[in-house]
Amino acid sequence: MLYDTHCHPYLAKEKTQNEVIANFLSQGGKFLNTVSVDMQSSQLNVALAQENTGVFAVIGIHPTHVLDYIDNVEEVIKTLETLYKNNSQNVVALGETGLDYYWLEKLSTNSGISEKKIKEIQKEFFIAHIALAKKLGLPIVIHNRESANDVFEILRNENFTNFIFHCYSEDLDYALELIKFAPECKLGFGGVLTFKSAQKTRDAAIGIPLKNIIIETDSPYLTPSPHRGKIENEPAFTIHVLDMLQHIRPEDDNVIKKIVFQNSLEIFNIKKETA
């Protein structure tokens, strides 16, 4: 009963995407979400989901890719809507979308567009994803990097609570505020949870209700201990994230495993007969 709720098999370099998926499923993995960053990967991930039992697609535009579609916001959103409607059994969420201020300087240098303008474009795309999610009844997968206050402000302004906060790395107070605003939201914890330097992340994972936790790898990035710095991350390493969560949480190990899996089914609306 493992569900890697956020990974990118198509970006794997040490193995093929099919090997990565097969390895996860052969080691007891049940479901994984292959998450998109642009239109090309959105279409690819839908195909991957069609070809592999237990694989679902998340489609959307990553905030660091929005400049590729700067004059085509409406067209992109319409294309995503059509892609979902034609493949609704294979798509479980929109994303990853959100804000990323960490790369603003590099994005500005490469594009010649001001950092202020890039922020505005990222916000426009984020809000457009939220509007489409409302229309389709889907959750969104949020990417946040050095932009937590603005992400929360947009969620409040749009009154949108059906979200997964991917790769959670903010503190406990922020997590509790998110949950107060959106009691059924999920926070995705990944390999960072196992890093020695990530006590802030562990404190958040300990301090929030178990019903708000799901797990992920974000593979091929953020390889968890004990493999960190040695090999590329992959969905099969979801088990190491679960192990750490079981180590730091007070509940029984089996309860944690069961509830985290159920949380994933709930937020992504996976039918029990499928599971």
C-alpha atoms as a PDB file:
ATOM      1  CA  MET A   1       0.000   0.000   0.000  1.00  0.00           C
ATOM      2  CA  LEU A   2       2.416   2.647  -1.226  1.00  0.00           C
ATOM      3  CA  TYR A   3       1.400   5.627  -3.332  1.00  0.00           C
ATOM      4  CA  ASP A   4       4.140   7.892  -4.692  1.00  0.00           C
ATOM      5  CA  THR A   5       1.979  10.947  -5.157  1.00  0.00           C
ATOM      6  CA  HIS A   6       4.590  13.024  -6.982  1.00  0.00           C
ATOM      7  CA  CYS A   7       7.341  11.828  -9.308  1.00  0.00           C
ATOM      8  CA  HIS A   8       8.756  12.458 -12.776  1.00  0.00           C
ATOM      9  CA  PRO A   9       9.668   9.067 -14.334  1.00  0.00           C
ATOM     10  CA  TYR A  10      10.148  10.682 -17.744  1.00  0.00           C
ATOM     11  CA  LEU A  11      13.081  12.711 -16.350  1.00  0.00           C
ATOM     12  CA  ALA A  12      14.996   9.669 -15.074  1.00  0.00           C
ATOM     13  CA  LYS A  13      18.516   9.333 -16.471  1.00  0.00           C
ATOM     14  CA  GLU A  14      19.944   6.231 -14.798  1.00  0.00           C
ATOM     15  CA  LYS A  15      16.961   4.066 -15.792  1.00  0.00           C
ATOM     16  CA  THR A  16      14.234   4.286 -18.403  1.00  0.00           C
ATOM     17  CA  GLN A  17      10.839   5.595 -17.362  1.00  0.00           C
ATOM     18  CA  ASN A  18       9.373   2.127 -17.853  1.00  0.00           C
ATOM     19  CA  GLU A  19      12.063   0.562 -15.643  1.00  0.00           C
ATOM     20  CA  VAL A  20      11.393   3.125 -12.930  1.00  0.00           C
ATOM     21  CA  ILE A  21       7.664   2.419 -12.986  1.00  0.00           C
ATOM     22  CA  ALA A  22       8.089  -1.365 -13.133  1.00  0.00           C
ATOM     23  CA  ASN A  23      10.565  -1.325 -10.247  1.00  0.00           C
ATOM     24  CA  PHE A  24       8.114   0.554  -8.036  1.00  0.00           C
ATOM     25  CA  LEU A  25       5.199  -1.746  -8.844  1.00  0.00           C
ATOM     26  CA  SER A  26       7.305  -4.897  -8.426  1.00  0.00           C
ATOM     27  CA  GLN A  27       8.383  -3.800  -4.928  1.00  0.00           C
ATOM     28  CA  GLY A  28       4.906  -3.391  -3.555  1.00  0.00           C
ATOM     29  CA  GLY A  29       4.020   0.014  -4.919  1.00  0.00           C
ATOM     30  CA  LYS A  30       0.336   0.411  -5.730  1.00  0.00           C
ATOM     31  CA  PHE A  31      -0.044   3.807  -7.419  1.00  0.00           C
ATOM     32  CA  LEU A  32       2.119   6.678  -8.606  1.00  0.00           C
ATOM     33  CA  ASN A  33       1.411  10.092 -10.073  1.00  0.00           C
ATOM     34  CA  THR A  34       3.646  11.161 -12.938  1.00  0.00           C
ATOM     35  CA  VAL A  35       3.652  14.943 -12.701  1.00  0.00           C
ATOM     36  CA  SER A  36       4.020  17.373 -15.584  1.00  0.00           C
ATOM     37  CA  VAL A  37       5.953  20.616 -15.986  1.00  0.00           C
ATOM     38  CA  ASP A  38       4.844  21.744 -19.471  1.00  0.00           C
ATOM     39  CA  MET A  39       2.522  20.815 -22.329  1.00  0.00           C
ATOM     40  CA  GLN A  40       4.879  18.225 -23.773  1.00  0.00           C
ATOM     41  CA  SER A  41       5.222  16.347 -20.492  1.00  0.00           C
ATOM     42  CA  SER A  42       1.474  16.686 -19.871  1.00  0.00           C
ATOM     43  CA  GLN A  43       0.764  14.801 -23.084  1.00  0.00           C
ATOM     44  CA  LEU A  44       3.538  12.302 -22.379  1.00  0.00           C
ATOM     45  CA  ASN A  45       2.262  11.608 -18.881  1.00  0.00           C
ATOM     46  CA  VAL A  46      -1.275  10.969 -20.086  1.00  0.00           C
ATOM     47  CA  ALA A  47       0.177   8.374 -22.464  1.00  0.00           C
ATOM     48  CA  LEU A  48       2.209   6.837 -19.622  1.00  0.00           C
ATOM     49  CA  ALA A  49      -0.929   6.592 -17.504  1.00  0.00           C
ATOM     50  CA  GLN A  50      -2.828   4.957 -20.350  1.00  0.00           C
ATOM     51  CA  GLU A  51      -0.077   2.376 -20.834  1.00  0.00           C
ATOM     52  CA  ASN A  52       0.544   1.456 -17.184  1.00  0.00           C
ATOM     53  CA  THR A  53      -1.917   0.159 -14.603  1.00  0.00           C
ATOM     54  CA  GLY A  54      -1.496   2.044 -11.341  1.00  0.00           C
ATOM     55  CA  VAL A  55      -0.078   5.170 -12.997  1.00  0.00           C
ATOM     56  CA  PHE A  56      -1.973   8.471 -13.048  1.00  0.00           C
ATOM     57  CA  ALA A  57      -1.104  11.773 -14.708  1.00  0.00           C
ATOM     58  CA  VAL A  58      -1.004  15.266 -13.234  1.00  0.00           C
ATOM     59  CA  ILE A  59      -1.094  17.847 -16.025  1.00  0.00           C
ATOM     60  CA  GLY A  60      -0.111  21.505 -15.997  1.00  0.00           C
ATOM     61  CA  ILE A  61       2.595  24.136 -16.335  1.00  0.00           C
ATOM     62  CA  HIS A  62       5.388  24.487 -13.749  1.00  0.00           C
ATOM     63  CA  PRO A  63       5.999  28.103 -12.685  1.00  0.00           C
ATOM     64  CA  THR A  64       9.535  28.064 -14.099  1.00  0.00           C
ATOM     65  CA  HIS A  65       8.121  27.072 -17.508  1.00  0.00           C
ATOM     66  CA  VAL A  66       5.400  29.700 -17.826  1.00  0.00           C
ATOM     67  CA  LEU A  67       7.557  31.991 -19.962  1.00  0.00           C
ATOM     68  CA  ASP A  68       7.354  29.398 -22.738  1.00  0.00           C
ATOM     69  CA  TYR A  69       3.637  30.201 -22.983  1.00  0.00           C
ATOM     70  CA  ILE A  70       3.676  33.877 -22.106  1.00  0.00           C
ATOM     71  CA  ASP A  71       1.169  34.983 -24.764  1.00  0.00           C
ATOM     72  CA  ASN A  72      -0.985  31.867 -24.694  1.00  0.00           C
ATOM     73  CA  VAL A  73      -2.454  31.511 -21.208  1.00  0.00           C
ATOM     74  CA  GLU A  74      -6.023  30.988 -22.398  1.00  0.00           C
ATOM     75  CA  GLU A  75      -4.945  28.592 -25.142  1.00  0.00           C
ATOM     76  CA  VAL A  76      -2.852  26.539 -22.709  1.00  0.00           C
ATOM     77  CA  ILE A  77      -5.708  26.286 -20.224  1.00  0.00           C
ATOM     78  CA  LYS A  78      -8.133  25.241 -22.974  1.00  0.00           C
ATOM     79  CA  THR A  79      -5.667  22.583 -24.149  1.00  0.00           C
ATOM     80  CA  LEU A  80      -5.300  21.254 -20.596  1.00  0.00           C
ATOM     81  CA  GLU A  81      -9.080  21.156 -20.254  1.00  0.00           C
ATOM     82  CA  THR A  82      -9.436  19.180 -23.476  1.00  0.00           C
ATOM     83  CA  LEU A  83      -6.615  16.840 -22.483  1.00  0.00           C
ATOM     84  CA  TYR A  84      -8.390  16.124 -19.206  1.00  0.00           C
ATOM     85  CA  LYS A  85     -11.836  15.662 -20.738  1.00  0.00           C
ATOM     86  CA  ASN A  86     -10.459  13.201 -23.293  1.00  0.00           C
ATOM     87  CA  ASN A  87      -8.544  11.267 -20.615  1.00  0.00           C
ATOM     88  CA  SER A  88     -10.443  11.798 -17.374  1.00  0.00           C
ATOM     89  CA  GLN A  89      -9.791   8.244 -16.155  1.00  0.00           C
ATOM     90  CA  ASN A  90      -6.046   8.847 -16.344  1.00  0.00           C
ATOM     91  CA  VAL A  91      -5.714  12.382 -14.926  1.00  0.00           C
ATOM     92  CA  VAL A  92      -6.130  13.006 -11.188  1.00  0.00           C
ATOM     93  CA  ALA A  93      -4.990  16.616 -10.696  1.00  0.00           C
ATOM     94  CA  LEU A  94      -3.673  19.789 -12.310  1.00  0.00           C
ATOM     95  CA  GLY A  95      -0.058  20.793 -11.809  1.00  0.00           C
ATOM     96  CA  GLU A  96       2.424  21.188 -10.821  1.00  0.00           C
ATOM     97  CA  THR A  97       1.547  24.849 -10.623  1.00  0.00           C
ATOM     98  CA  GLY A  98       2.290  27.629  -8.168  1.00  0.00           C
ATOM     99  CA  LEU A  99       5.108  30.109  -7.672  1.00  0.00           C
ATOM    100  CA  ASP A 100       8.896  29.840  -7.742  1.00  0.00           C
ATOM    101  CA  TYR A 101      10.921  32.888  -6.733  1.00  0.00           C
ATOM    102  CA  TYR A 102      14.179  30.978  -6.246  1.00  0.00           C
ATOM    103  CA  TRP A 103      14.901  31.005  -9.991  1.00  0.00           C
ATOM    104  CA  LEU A 104      13.661  34.542 -10.712  1.00  0.00           C
ATOM    105  CA  GLU A 105      17.091  36.056 -11.331  1.00  0.00           C
ATOM    106  CA  LYS A 106      18.108  33.307 -13.759  1.00  0.00           C
ATOM    107  CA  LEU A 107      14.755  33.402 -15.546  1.00  0.00           C
ATOM    108  CA  SER A 108      15.025  37.172 -15.884  1.00  0.00           C
ATOM    109  CA  THR A 109      18.593  37.032 -17.195  1.00  0.00           C
ATOM    110  CA  ASN A 110      17.729  34.383 -19.771  1.00  0.00           C
ATOM    111  CA  SER A 111      14.513  36.013 -20.976  1.00  0.00           C
ATOM    112  CA  GLY A 112      15.175  39.726 -20.628  1.00  0.00           C
ATOM    113  CA  ILE A 113      11.909  40.010 -18.700  1.00  0.00           C
ATOM    114  CA  SER A 114      11.952  41.760 -15.324  1.00  0.00           C
ATOM    115  CA  GLU A 115      11.644  39.716 -12.142  1.00  0.00           C
ATOM    116  CA  LYS A 116       8.535  41.721 -11.232  1.00  0.00           C
ATOM    117  CA  LYS A 117       6.898  40.841 -14.547  1.00  0.00           C
ATOM    118  CA  ILE A 118       7.833  37.152 -14.196  1.00  0.00           C
ATOM    119  CA  LYS A 119       6.147  37.102 -10.784  1.00  0.00           C
ATOM    120  CA  GLU A 120       3.012  38.534 -12.372  1.00  0.00           C
ATOM    121  CA  ILE A 121       3.061  35.899 -15.126  1.00  0.00           C
ATOM    122  CA  GLN A 122       3.530  33.072 -12.622  1.00  0.00           C
ATOM    123  CA  LYS A 123       0.603  34.376 -10.593  1.00  0.00           C
ATOM    124  CA  GLU A 124      -1.560  34.632 -13.712  1.00  0.00           C
ATOM    125  CA  PHE A 125      -0.879  30.999 -14.607  1.00  0.00           C
ATOM    126  CA  PHE A 126      -1.397  29.845 -11.009  1.00  0.00           C
ATOM    127  CA  ILE A 127      -4.776  31.575 -10.824  1.00  0.00           C
ATOM    128  CA  ALA A 128      -5.723  30.170 -14.246  1.00  0.00           C
ATOM    129  CA  HIS A 129      -4.923  26.628 -13.061  1.00  0.00           C
ATOM    130  CA  ILE A 130      -7.077  27.200  -9.980  1.00  0.00           C
ATOM    131  CA  ALA A 131      -9.981  28.420 -12.115  1.00  0.00           C
ATOM    132  CA  LEU A 132      -9.741  25.328 -14.322  1.00  0.00           C
ATOM    133  CA  ALA A 133      -9.505  23.066 -11.268  1.00  0.00           C
ATOM    134  CA  LYS A 134     -12.718  24.590  -9.917  1.00  0.00           C
ATOM    135  CA  LYS A 135     -14.426  24.039 -13.259  1.00  0.00           C
ATOM    136  CA  LEU A 136     -13.307  20.409 -13.530  1.00  0.00           C
ATOM    137  CA  GLY A 137     -13.596  19.508  -9.844  1.00  0.00           C
ATOM    138  CA  LEU A 138      -9.913  18.579  -9.612  1.00  0.00           C
ATOM    139  CA  PRO A 139      -7.272  19.256  -6.967  1.00  0.00           C
ATOM    140  CA  ILE A 140      -4.132  21.196  -7.822  1.00  0.00           C
ATOM    141  CA  VAL A 141      -0.567  20.197  -6.981  1.00  0.00           C
ATOM    142  CA  ILE A 142       1.227  23.275  -5.668  1.00  0.00           C
ATOM    143  CA  HIS A 143       4.895  24.039  -6.253  1.00  0.00           C
ATOM    144  CA  ASN A 144       6.264  26.614  -3.811  1.00  0.00           C
ATOM    145  CA  ARG A 145       9.830  27.835  -3.605  1.00  0.00           C
ATOM    146  CA  GLU A 146      10.597  30.995  -1.638  1.00  0.00           C
ATOM    147  CA  SER A 147       7.057  32.194  -2.379  1.00  0.00           C
ATOM    148  CA  ALA A 148       4.975  30.867   0.515  1.00  0.00           C
ATOM    149  CA  ASN A 149       3.249  34.125   1.457  1.00  0.00           C
ATOM    150  CA  ASP A 150       2.133  34.874  -2.091  1.00  0.00           C
ATOM    151  CA  VAL A 151       0.973  31.276  -2.620  1.00  0.00           C
ATOM    152  CA  PHE A 152      -1.215  31.490   0.473  1.00  0.00           C
ATOM    153  CA  GLU A 153      -2.537  34.916  -0.491  1.00  0.00           C
ATOM    154  CA  ILE A 154      -3.684  33.586  -3.865  1.00  0.00           C
ATOM    155  CA  LEU A 155      -5.319  30.527  -2.289  1.00  0.00           C
ATOM    156  CA  ARG A 156      -7.220  32.814   0.081  1.00  0.00           C
ATOM    157  CA  ASN A 157      -8.196  35.307  -2.613  1.00  0.00           C
ATOM    158  CA  GLU A 158      -9.455  32.518  -4.861  1.00  0.00           C
ATOM    159  CA  ASN A 159     -11.048  30.706  -1.894  1.00  0.00           C
ATOM    160  CA  PHE A 160      -9.543  27.456  -3.142  1.00  0.00           C
ATOM    161  CA  THR A 161      -8.985  24.625  -0.680  1.00  0.00           C
ATOM    162  CA  ASN A 162      -8.665  21.487  -2.833  1.00  0.00           C
ATOM    163  CA  PHE A 163      -4.892  21.283  -3.030  1.00  0.00           C
ATOM    164  CA  ILE A 164      -1.769  19.258  -2.377  1.00  0.00           C
ATOM    165  CA  PHE A 165       1.190  21.269  -1.092  1.00  0.00           C
ATOM    166  CA  HIS A 166       3.954  19.360  -2.846  1.00  0.00           C
ATOM    167  CA  CYS A 167       7.426  18.849  -1.311  1.00  0.00           C
ATOM    168  CA  TYR A 168       6.471  20.567   1.927  1.00  0.00           C
ATOM    169  CA  SER A 169       9.418  22.434   3.445  1.00  0.00           C
ATOM    170  CA  GLU A 170       7.875  25.349   5.337  1.00  0.00           C
ATOM    171  CA  ASP A 171       7.563  25.381   9.128  1.00  0.00           C
ATOM    172  CA  LEU A 172       4.857  23.968  11.385  1.00  0.00           C
ATOM    173  CA  ASP A 173       3.097  27.303  11.882  1.00  0.00           C
ATOM    174  CA  TYR A 174       2.596  27.732   8.141  1.00  0.00           C
ATOM    175  CA  ALA A 175       1.344  24.141   7.862  1.00  0.00           C
ATOM    176  CA  LEU A 176      -1.203  24.700  10.614  1.00  0.00           C
ATOM    177  CA  GLU A 177      -2.406  27.903   8.943  1.00  0.00           C
ATOM    178  CA  LEU A 178      -2.850  26.034   5.658  1.00  0.00           C
ATOM    179  CA  ILE A 179      -4.862  23.324   7.389  1.00  0.00           C
ATOM    180  CA  LYS A 180      -6.955  25.863   9.293  1.00  0.00           C
ATOM    181  CA  PHE A 181      -7.818  27.455   5.942  1.00  0.00           C
ATOM    182  CA  ALA A 182      -8.244  24.138   4.095  1.00  0.00           C
ATOM    183  CA  PRO A 183      -8.978  21.325   6.586  1.00  0.00           C
ATOM    184  CA  GLU A 184      -8.952  18.605   3.891  1.00  0.00           C
ATOM    185  CA  CYS A 185      -5.781  19.729   2.090  1.00  0.00           C
ATOM    186  CA  LYS A 186      -2.783  17.418   1.938  1.00  0.00           C
ATOM    187  CA  LEU A 187       0.878  18.188   2.539  1.00  0.00           C
ATOM    188  CA  GLY A 188       3.290  16.059   0.544  1.00  0.00           C
ATOM    189  CA  PHE A 189       6.462  14.989   2.329  1.00  0.00           C
ATOM    190  CA  GLY A 190       9.350  13.523   0.359  1.00  0.00           C
ATOM    191  CA  GLY A 191      13.038  12.750   0.580  1.00  0.00           C
ATOM    192  CA  VAL A 192      13.770  16.004   2.408  1.00  0.00           C
ATOM    193  CA  LEU A 193      12.078  14.457   5.449  1.00  0.00           C
ATOM    194  CA  THR A 194      15.080  12.105   5.762  1.00  0.00           C
ATOM    195  CA  PHE A 195      17.777  14.796   5.511  1.00  0.00           C
ATOM    196  CA  LYS A 196      19.726  15.500   8.709  1.00  0.00           C
ATOM    197  CA  SER A 197      19.389  19.241   8.119  1.00  0.00           C
ATOM    198  CA  ALA A 198      15.593  19.126   7.728  1.00  0.00           C
ATOM    199  CA  GLN A 199      14.400  19.232  11.332  1.00  0.00           C
ATOM    200  CA  LYS A 200      11.958  22.025  10.451  1.00  0.00           C
ATOM    201  CA  THR A 201      10.291  19.710   7.942  1.00  0.00           C
ATOM    202  CA  ARG A 202      10.155  16.858  10.455  1.00  0.00           C
ATOM    203  CA  ASP A 203       8.635  19.168  13.060  1.00  0.00           C
ATOM    204  CA  ALA A 204       5.876  20.005  10.587  1.00  0.00           C
ATOM    205  CA  ALA A 205       5.284  16.323   9.791  1.00  0.00           C
ATOM    206  CA  ILE A 206       5.031  15.560  13.515  1.00  0.00           C
ATOM    207  CA  GLY A 207       2.841  18.512  14.429  1.00  0.00           C
ATOM    208  CA  ILE A 208       0.020  18.299  11.899  1.00  0.00           C
ATOM    209  CA  PRO A 209      -2.851  15.788  11.865  1.00  0.00           C
ATOM    210  CA  LEU A 210      -2.040  12.501  10.165  1.00  0.00           C
ATOM    211  CA  LYS A 211      -5.108  12.949   7.953  1.00  0.00           C
ATOM    212  CA  ASN A 212      -3.339  15.811   6.163  1.00  0.00           C
ATOM    213  CA  ILE A 213      -0.192  13.875   5.201  1.00  0.00           C
ATOM    214  CA  ILE A 214       0.713  12.138   1.958  1.00  0.00           C
ATOM    215  CA  ILE A 215       4.138  10.987   0.762  1.00  0.00           C
ATOM    216  CA  GLU A 216       6.088  11.408  -2.453  1.00  0.00           C
ATOM    217  CA  THR A 217       9.575  11.162  -3.936  1.00  0.00           C
ATOM    218  CA  ASP A 218       9.751  14.026  -6.462  1.00  0.00           C
ATOM    219  CA  SER A 219      12.093  11.606  -8.223  1.00  0.00           C
ATOM    220  CA  PRO A 220      14.523  11.730  -9.902  1.00  0.00           C
ATOM    221  CA  TYR A 221      15.307  14.605  -7.511  1.00  0.00           C
ATOM    222  CA  LEU A 222      15.758  14.759  -3.716  1.00  0.00           C
ATOM    223  CA  THR A 223      16.988  11.208  -3.163  1.00  0.00           C
ATOM    224  CA  PRO A 224      16.240  10.184   0.448  1.00  0.00           C
ATOM    225  CA  SER A 225      18.686   8.698   2.900  1.00  0.00           C
ATOM    226  CA  PRO A 226      20.263   6.144   2.806  1.00  0.00           C
ATOM    227  CA  HIS A 227      20.731   6.618  -0.964  1.00  0.00           C
ATOM    228  CA  ARG A 228      21.275  10.389  -0.955  1.00  0.00           C
ATOM    229  CA  GLY A 229      24.306  11.411  -2.997  1.00  0.00           C
ATOM    230  CA  LYS A 230      24.782   7.876  -4.302  1.00  0.00           C
ATOM    231  CA  ILE A 231      22.088   7.089  -6.850  1.00  0.00           C
ATOM    232  CA  GLU A 232      19.192   8.771  -8.590  1.00  0.00           C
ATOM    233  CA  ASN A 233      15.894   8.927  -6.766  1.00  0.00           C
ATOM    234  CA  GLU A 234      12.985   6.792  -7.980  1.00  0.00           C
ATOM    235  CA  PRO A 235       9.440   5.927  -6.842  1.00  0.00           C
ATOM    236  CA  ALA A 236      10.622   2.700  -5.180  1.00  0.00           C
ATOM    237  CA  PHE A 237      12.281   4.921  -2.562  1.00  0.00           C
ATOM    238  CA  THR A 238       8.878   6.056  -1.286  1.00  0.00           C
ATOM    239  CA  ILE A 239       9.419   3.392   1.374  1.00  0.00           C
ATOM    240  CA  HIS A 240      12.252   5.424   2.923  1.00  0.00           C
ATOM    241  CA  VAL A 241       9.982   8.438   3.314  1.00  0.00           C
ATOM    242  CA  LEU A 242       7.362   6.227   4.945  1.00  0.00           C
ATOM    243  CA  ASP A 243      10.004   4.722   7.241  1.00  0.00           C
ATOM    244  CA  MET A 244      11.020   8.175   8.481  1.00  0.00           C
ATOM    245  CA  LEU A 245       7.410   9.225   8.965  1.00  0.00           C
ATOM    246  CA  GLN A 246       6.789   6.085  11.017  1.00  0.00           C
ATOM    247  CA  HIS A 247       9.933   6.777  13.030  1.00  0.00           C
ATOM    248  CA  ILE A 248       8.940  10.314  14.030  1.00  0.00           C
ATOM    249  CA  ARG A 249       5.150  10.015  14.396  1.00  0.00           C
ATOM    250  CA  PRO A 250       3.556   8.596  17.577  1.00  0.00           C
ATOM    251  CA  GLU A 251       0.974   6.388  15.856  1.00  0.00           C
ATOM    252  CA  ASP A 252       1.400   2.673  15.181  1.00  0.00           C
ATOM    253  CA  ASP A 253       3.397   1.984  12.000  1.00  0.00           C
ATOM    254  CA  ASN A 254       0.553   0.108  10.337  1.00  0.00           C
ATOM    255  CA  VAL A 255      -1.888   2.890  11.143  1.00  0.00           C
ATOM    256  CA  ILE A 256       0.423   5.468   9.565  1.00  0.00           C
ATOM    257  CA  LYS A 257       0.875   3.388   6.426  1.00  0.00           C
ATOM    258  CA  LYS A 258      -2.859   2.792   6.084  1.00  0.00           C
ATOM    259  CA  ILE A 259      -3.984   6.363   6.765  1.00  0.00           C
ATOM    260  CA  VAL A 260      -1.377   7.974   4.496  1.00  0.00           C
ATOM    261  CA  PHE A 261      -2.443   5.655   1.673  1.00  0.00           C
ATOM    262  CA  GLN A 262      -6.129   6.431   2.291  1.00  0.00           C
ATOM    263  CA  ASN A 263      -5.332  10.156   2.322  1.00  0.00           C
ATOM    264  CA  SER A 264      -3.828   9.798  -1.139  1.00  0.00           C
ATOM    265  CA  LEU A 265      -6.846   7.946  -2.500  1.00  0.00           C
ATOM    266  CA  GLU A 266      -9.114  10.606  -1.040  1.00  0.00           C
ATOM    267  CA  ILE A 267      -7.408  13.733  -2.395  1.00  0.00           C
ATOM    268  CA  PHE A 268      -6.924  12.239  -5.862  1.00  0.00           C
ATOM    269  CA  ASN A 269     -10.409  10.689  -5.885  1.00  0.00           C
ATOM    270  CA  ILE A 270      -9.178   7.175  -6.612  1.00  0.00           C
ATOM    271  CA  LYS A 271     -12.151   4.839  -6.384  1.00  0.00           C
ATOM    272  CA  LYS A 272     -11.928   2.108  -3.765  1.00  0.00           C
ATOM    273  CA  GLU A 273     -12.679  -0.555  -6.341  1.00  0.00           C
ATOM    274  CA  THR A 274      -9.547   0.555  -8.224  1.00  0.00           C
ATOM    275  CA  ALA A 275      -7.468   0.331  -5.053  1.00  0.00           C
END
